[in-house]
Amino acid sequence: MSRNILCVVEFDSYPDEVVSRATWLAKLHDLDLHLLVSDPSTDFLGNTYVYLLEDFRPIADSIKEYQEEALGRLMDHVESAGVSVETSRSTDRHVADMIRREADARQPKYVLKGTHYHTPSERASMADADWDLIRDLEYPIWFVKPIRWREPPVIVAAVDPLHAHDKPAHLDKRIIKMGQDIAGKSSGDLQVLHTYQRLDEIGSRVMWAFKPEKLPIEKLDKQIRSEHSRALKILGEVCNVPASALHMLPGRAHDVLPSFARYSNASLVIMGALARSKLKQRIIGSTAARVLDYIPCDVLVTHDK
């Protein structure tokens, strides 16, 4: 069983919020905390010809001094909460690969990392470290956003009980179990959301028939809703989720989920992601990657591994 949480500290990505969330989570689960300071720019400023230029030395030195002071303040915050903490540093420019190596070495319960708004070009290329980690990190990755963490927290578990997006059945159970674990320990409120596409949202595929005939739209739409509702109810019964906490809304997940999180005043959304190659990920996409920028709270992504 894992006895630690790995917290990635990036000084340009909300380090106070990230460490605060990691400290709360470590205390909640009675785990140790490891702060992994990731700053590729330090390597550029300190170990290249740039440092040899007289004008750059004060800049490099002031950055290092600031980081030392900031790290000391962050560690004081963790220790004052009664959480055991240790640190390590990395200047590796391949951040996602570095995080994977550190996670494999420490086998944490969670990996926490700050996230920022991604430009359209970053989303198109999926070259950013966040996309890389969503794609194939073997450990649950918790993306922290600069929001006020509510206590007790509202946690939204996004599920797909009909496995319409190739997600295996056990992934939904894992998502709910994570939510129940966090909510149970923090006296939080777990809400389970399933989105489905109504017949008129599925698109022109329904028009491709061998014979030009009128489709019974209302009947088919009712049947679709009934099938999804039944699957969600069964999932809730299997996972011991009360019916009042089960929600089913029409629409595409990447459209509905951010609105539901905002409406629910959620502090955390838990989602699943499939391990795919970079090429297949670009073709098929990922709901977690598509909504990461738009969900107004933290996002926890777990995989089917």
Protein backbone atom coordinates (compact mmCIF):
# COMPACT_ATOMS: atom_id res chain seq x y z
CA MET A 1 0.00 0.00 0.00
CA SER A 2 1.26 3.44 -0.88
CA ARG A 3 2.38 5.56 2.04
CA ASN A 4 3.05 8.85 0.27
CA ILE A 5 1.73 11.56 -1.99
CA LEU A 6 3.90 13.03 -4.72
CA CYS A 7 3.43 16.79 -5.10
CA VAL A 8 5.02 18.49 -8.11
CA VAL A 9 6.05 22.05 -7.24
CA GLU A 10 6.34 24.39 -10.22
CA PHE A 11 6.98 27.98 -9.18
CA ASP A 12 5.03 29.33 -12.14
CA SER A 13 1.97 27.13 -11.51
CA TYR A 14 0.25 28.04 -8.23
CA PRO A 15 2.74 26.40 -5.82
CA ASP A 16 0.90 27.61 -2.70
CA GLU A 17 -2.41 26.12 -3.81
CA VAL A 18 -0.78 22.87 -4.97
CA VAL A 19 1.12 22.30 -1.74
CA SER A 20 -1.88 23.34 0.36
CA ARG A 21 -4.08 20.79 -1.43
CA ALA A 22 -1.42 18.09 -1.14
CA THR A 23 -1.00 18.80 2.58
CA TRP A 24 -4.77 18.54 3.11
CA LEU A 25 -4.86 15.26 1.20
CA ALA A 26 -1.83 13.80 3.01
CA LYS A 27 -3.32 14.67 6.39
CA LEU A 28 -6.68 13.26 5.31
CA HIS A 29 -5.14 9.89 4.45
CA ASP A 30 -2.36 9.96 7.06
CA LEU A 31 0.33 9.82 4.37
CA ASP A 32 3.79 11.31 3.98
CA LEU A 33 4.31 14.08 1.44
CA HIS A 34 7.12 14.39 -1.07
CA LEU A 35 7.64 17.77 -2.71
CA LEU A 36 9.24 17.39 -6.14
CA VAL A 37 10.55 20.78 -7.25
CA SER A 38 10.49 20.95 -11.04
CA ASP A 39 12.20 23.94 -12.63
CA PRO A 40 13.89 23.38 -16.00
CA SER A 41 14.78 27.08 -16.24
CA THR A 42 17.24 26.72 -13.36
CA ASP A 43 19.36 24.43 -15.49
CA PHE A 44 19.37 27.00 -18.29
CA LEU A 45 20.34 29.87 -16.01
CA GLY A 46 22.83 28.03 -13.88
CA ASN A 47 24.65 25.52 -16.05
CA THR A 48 25.05 27.18 -19.44
CA TYR A 49 26.95 30.04 -20.94
CA VAL A 50 24.16 32.38 -19.82
CA TYR A 51 25.47 32.32 -16.26
CA LEU A 52 28.87 33.39 -17.53
CA LEU A 53 27.46 36.68 -18.74
CA GLU A 54 27.86 39.30 -16.05
CA ASP A 55 24.40 40.79 -16.60
CA PHE A 56 22.63 37.48 -16.09
CA ARG A 57 24.30 36.46 -12.82
CA PRO A 58 22.18 38.69 -10.56
CA ILE A 59 19.03 37.45 -12.30
CA ALA A 60 19.96 33.81 -11.90
CA ASP A 61 21.01 34.31 -8.28
CA SER A 62 17.84 36.20 -7.38
CA ILE A 63 15.66 33.48 -8.92
CA LYS A 64 17.45 30.80 -6.93
CA GLU A 65 17.20 32.86 -3.75
CA TYR A 66 13.47 33.40 -4.27
CA GLN A 67 12.93 29.70 -4.88
CA GLU A 68 14.81 28.72 -1.74
CA GLU A 69 12.73 31.12 0.34
CA ALA A 70 9.50 29.95 -1.28
CA LEU A 71 10.35 26.29 -0.76
CA GLY A 72 11.20 26.94 2.89
CA ARG A 73 7.85 28.66 3.38
CA LEU A 74 6.01 25.79 1.69
CA MET A 75 7.76 23.20 3.87
CA ASP A 76 6.92 25.21 7.00
CA HIS A 77 3.26 25.12 5.96
CA VAL A 78 3.35 21.34 5.54
CA GLU A 79 5.18 20.69 8.80
CA SER A 80 2.87 23.00 10.74
CA ALA A 81 0.00 20.77 9.65
CA GLY A 82 1.74 17.77 11.19
CA VAL A 83 2.60 16.10 7.89
CA SER A 84 5.97 14.47 7.33
CA VAL A 85 7.65 16.01 4.28
CA GLU A 86 10.77 15.57 2.19
CA THR A 87 11.94 17.23 -1.01
CA SER A 88 13.84 16.55 -4.19
CA ARG A 89 14.65 18.65 -7.26
CA SER A 90 14.70 18.19 -11.00
CA THR A 91 15.77 20.43 -13.86
CA ASP A 92 14.69 17.92 -16.51
CA ARG A 93 12.99 19.72 -19.39
CA HIS A 94 10.90 16.65 -20.20
CA VAL A 95 8.59 17.22 -17.26
CA ALA A 96 6.09 14.43 -17.91
CA ASP A 97 8.83 11.81 -18.32
CA MET A 98 10.48 13.04 -15.13
CA ILE A 99 7.22 12.84 -13.17
CA ARG A 100 6.62 9.31 -14.45
CA ARG A 101 10.08 8.22 -13.29
CA GLU A 102 9.61 9.77 -9.85
CA ALA A 103 6.14 8.25 -9.51
CA ASP A 104 7.42 4.79 -10.49
CA ALA A 105 10.14 5.09 -7.87
CA ARG A 106 7.80 6.23 -5.07
CA GLN A 107 4.51 4.57 -6.09
CA PRO A 108 2.34 7.33 -4.57
CA LYS A 109 -1.36 7.17 -3.83
CA TYR A 110 -1.80 10.42 -5.79
CA VAL A 111 0.33 12.72 -7.90
CA LEU A 112 -0.59 16.39 -7.53
CA LYS A 113 0.35 19.06 -10.05
CA GLY A 114 -0.78 22.57 -10.85
CA THR A 115 -2.39 23.19 -14.22
CA HIS A 116 -2.85 26.30 -16.34
CA TYR A 117 -5.04 27.31 -19.25
CA HIS A 118 -3.79 25.68 -22.44
CA THR A 119 -3.66 27.58 -25.70
CA PRO A 120 -5.45 26.21 -28.77
CA SER A 121 -2.10 25.20 -30.25
CA GLU A 122 -1.20 23.24 -27.09
CA ARG A 123 -4.54 21.47 -27.14
CA ALA A 124 -4.19 20.71 -30.85
CA SER A 125 -0.70 19.26 -30.52
CA MET A 126 -1.28 17.58 -27.13
CA ALA A 127 2.40 18.20 -26.51
CA ASP A 128 1.92 19.72 -23.06
CA ALA A 129 2.98 17.75 -19.98
CA ASP A 130 -0.60 17.71 -18.67
CA TRP A 131 -1.88 15.91 -21.78
CA ASP A 132 1.02 13.51 -21.55
CA LEU A 133 0.20 12.64 -17.95
CA ILE A 134 -3.51 12.27 -18.68
CA ARG A 135 -2.64 9.86 -21.46
CA ASP A 136 -0.56 7.28 -19.62
CA LEU A 137 0.54 8.07 -16.07
CA GLU A 138 -0.12 4.88 -14.12
CA TYR A 139 -1.01 6.75 -10.93
CA PRO A 140 -4.02 8.99 -10.27
CA ILE A 141 -3.09 12.53 -11.33
CA TRP A 142 -4.73 15.40 -9.44
CA PHE A 143 -4.65 18.73 -11.29
CA VAL A 144 -4.88 21.62 -8.85
CA LYS A 145 -6.45 24.93 -9.79
CA PRO A 146 -6.26 28.26 -7.94
CA ILE A 147 -9.67 27.99 -6.30
CA ARG A 148 -10.90 28.25 -2.74
CA TRP A 149 -11.17 24.71 -1.44
CA ARG A 150 -14.53 24.28 0.23
CA GLU A 151 -14.90 22.17 3.34
CA PRO A 152 -16.70 19.92 3.39
CA PRO A 153 -16.02 19.46 -0.33
CA VAL A 154 -18.50 18.57 -3.04
CA ILE A 155 -17.03 15.84 -5.23
CA VAL A 156 -18.39 14.95 -8.65
CA ALA A 157 -17.66 11.50 -10.09
CA ALA A 158 -18.12 11.40 -13.87
CA VAL A 159 -19.07 7.91 -15.05
CA ASP A 160 -20.07 6.14 -18.24
CA PRO A 161 -22.01 3.00 -17.19
CA LEU A 162 -22.80 1.97 -20.77
CA HIS A 163 -19.10 2.27 -21.68
CA ALA A 164 -19.93 4.23 -24.80
CA HIS A 165 -16.37 5.52 -25.02
CA ASP A 166 -14.66 2.12 -24.70
CA LYS A 167 -14.18 2.53 -20.96
CA PRO A 168 -14.16 -0.77 -19.06
CA ALA A 169 -16.76 -1.36 -16.35
CA HIS A 170 -14.22 -1.46 -13.52
CA LEU A 171 -13.11 2.11 -14.29
CA ASP A 172 -16.47 3.56 -13.22
CA LYS A 173 -16.27 1.60 -9.97
CA ARG A 174 -12.76 2.90 -9.37
CA ILE A 175 -13.87 6.49 -9.97
CA ILE A 176 -16.75 6.16 -7.51
CA LYS A 177 -14.61 4.38 -4.92
CA MET A 178 -12.08 7.22 -5.05
CA GLY A 179 -14.84 9.74 -4.57
CA GLN A 180 -16.33 7.78 -1.69
CA ASP A 181 -12.93 7.47 -0.04
CA ILE A 182 -12.22 11.22 -0.17
CA ALA A 183 -15.77 12.24 0.68
CA GLY A 184 -15.98 9.76 3.54
CA LYS A 185 -12.79 10.96 5.18
CA SER A 186 -13.62 14.65 4.74
CA SER A 187 -17.37 14.51 5.48
CA GLY A 188 -17.82 15.60 1.88
CA ASP A 189 -20.71 15.17 -0.52
CA LEU A 190 -20.30 12.78 -3.47
CA GLN A 191 -22.44 13.31 -6.56
CA VAL A 192 -22.31 10.91 -9.52
CA LEU A 193 -22.94 12.28 -13.01
CA HIS A 194 -23.60 10.41 -16.24
CA THR A 195 -24.15 12.25 -19.50
CA TYR A 196 -25.73 10.74 -22.57
CA GLN A 197 -26.53 11.89 -26.07
CA ARG A 198 -30.15 12.16 -27.09
CA LEU A 199 -31.09 10.85 -30.50
CA ASP A 200 -31.26 14.30 -32.09
CA GLU A 201 -27.73 15.00 -30.81
CA ILE A 202 -26.21 11.91 -32.32
CA GLY A 203 -26.33 13.53 -35.70
CA SER A 204 -26.87 12.59 -39.28
CA ARG A 205 -25.97 8.94 -38.73
CA VAL A 206 -29.60 8.19 -37.94
CA MET A 207 -30.56 9.45 -41.39
CA TRP A 208 -28.55 6.80 -43.17
CA ALA A 209 -31.20 4.15 -43.71
CA PHE A 210 -31.66 1.67 -46.52
CA LYS A 211 -35.23 2.89 -47.00
CA PRO A 212 -36.36 6.50 -46.71
CA GLU A 213 -38.83 6.13 -43.86
CA LYS A 214 -39.87 8.23 -40.92
CA LEU A 215 -38.01 7.27 -37.79
CA PRO A 216 -39.92 7.01 -34.50
CA ILE A 217 -37.73 9.69 -32.89
CA GLU A 218 -39.67 10.07 -29.65
CA LYS A 219 -39.89 6.33 -29.07
CA LEU A 220 -36.19 5.78 -29.79
CA ASP A 221 -35.18 8.75 -27.65
CA LYS A 222 -37.22 7.40 -24.74
CA GLN A 223 -35.61 4.00 -25.19
CA ILE A 224 -32.13 5.52 -25.14
CA ARG A 225 -32.88 7.42 -21.95
CA SER A 226 -34.37 4.34 -20.32
CA GLU A 227 -31.33 2.23 -21.18
CA HIS A 228 -28.90 4.80 -19.77
CA SER A 229 -31.03 5.32 -16.66
CA ARG A 230 -31.14 1.60 -15.98
CA ALA A 231 -27.35 1.26 -16.34
CA LEU A 232 -26.75 4.18 -13.98
CA LYS A 233 -29.16 2.77 -11.41
CA ILE A 234 -27.41 -0.61 -11.47
CA LEU A 235 -24.01 1.07 -11.08
CA GLY A 236 -25.33 3.05 -8.11
CA GLU A 237 -26.67 -0.09 -6.45
CA VAL A 238 -23.42 -1.99 -6.98
CA CYS A 239 -21.35 0.89 -5.56
CA ASN A 240 -23.77 1.77 -2.73
CA VAL A 241 -24.52 5.25 -4.05
CA PRO A 242 -27.93 6.60 -2.96
CA ALA A 243 -30.36 7.38 -5.75
CA SER A 244 -30.44 11.04 -4.70
CA ALA A 245 -26.76 11.33 -5.59
CA LEU A 246 -27.17 9.90 -9.11
CA HIS A 247 -27.62 12.40 -11.92
CA MET A 248 -28.18 11.82 -15.63
CA LEU A 249 -28.16 14.72 -18.06
CA PRO A 250 -28.45 14.83 -21.85
CA GLY A 251 -25.55 16.26 -23.80
CA ARG A 252 -21.89 15.68 -24.51
CA ALA A 253 -19.72 15.21 -21.44
CA HIS A 254 -17.28 17.97 -22.33
CA ASP A 255 -20.21 20.40 -22.62
CA VAL A 256 -22.25 19.33 -19.60
CA LEU A 257 -19.58 18.49 -17.03
CA PRO A 258 -18.16 22.01 -16.54
CA SER A 259 -21.66 23.43 -16.08
CA PHE A 260 -22.66 20.71 -13.63
CA ALA A 261 -19.46 21.24 -11.62
CA ARG A 262 -20.18 24.96 -11.45
CA TYR A 263 -23.84 24.41 -10.52
CA SER A 264 -22.87 21.93 -7.78
CA ASN A 265 -20.15 24.21 -6.35
CA ALA A 266 -17.81 21.26 -6.79
CA SER A 267 -14.30 21.29 -5.37
CA LEU A 268 -13.20 18.22 -7.30
CA VAL A 269 -14.25 16.32 -10.43
CA ILE A 270 -13.04 12.73 -10.79
CA MET A 271 -12.78 11.32 -14.30
CA GLY A 272 -11.44 8.28 -16.07
CA ALA A 273 -9.05 8.14 -19.01
CA LEU A 274 -7.92 5.36 -21.28
CA ALA A 275 -4.29 4.57 -21.95
CA ARG A 276 -3.75 5.23 -25.65
CA SER A 277 -0.86 5.91 -27.97
CA LYS A 278 -0.12 9.52 -28.88
CA LEU A 279 -1.41 8.95 -32.41
CA LYS A 280 -4.67 7.34 -31.28
CA GLN A 281 -5.10 10.03 -28.62
CA ARG A 282 -4.89 12.73 -31.30
CA ILE A 283 -7.47 10.95 -33.43
CA ILE A 284 -9.95 9.95 -30.74
CA GLY A 285 -9.25 12.60 -28.14
CA SER A 286 -9.98 12.41 -24.44
CA THR A 287 -12.88 13.87 -22.50
CA ALA A 288 -10.54 14.57 -19.56
CA ALA A 289 -8.17 16.49 -21.81
CA ARG A 290 -11.01 18.39 -23.49
CA VAL A 291 -12.59 19.59 -20.27
CA LEU A 292 -9.49 20.19 -18.14
CA ASP A 293 -9.37 23.89 -19.04
CA TYR A 294 -13.09 24.47 -18.55
CA ILE A 295 -13.95 22.68 -15.31
CA PRO A 296 -13.93 25.40 -12.61
CA CYS A 297 -12.33 23.23 -9.93
CA ASP A 298 -9.67 20.57 -9.37
CA VAL A 299 -9.66 17.53 -11.65
CA LEU A 300 -8.56 14.03 -10.63
CA VAL A 301 -7.89 11.60 -13.49
CA THR A 302 -7.49 7.86 -13.02
CA HIS A 303 -6.81 5.21 -15.63
CA ASP A 304 -8.05 1.77 -16.55
CA LYS A 305 -4.77 0.11 -15.65
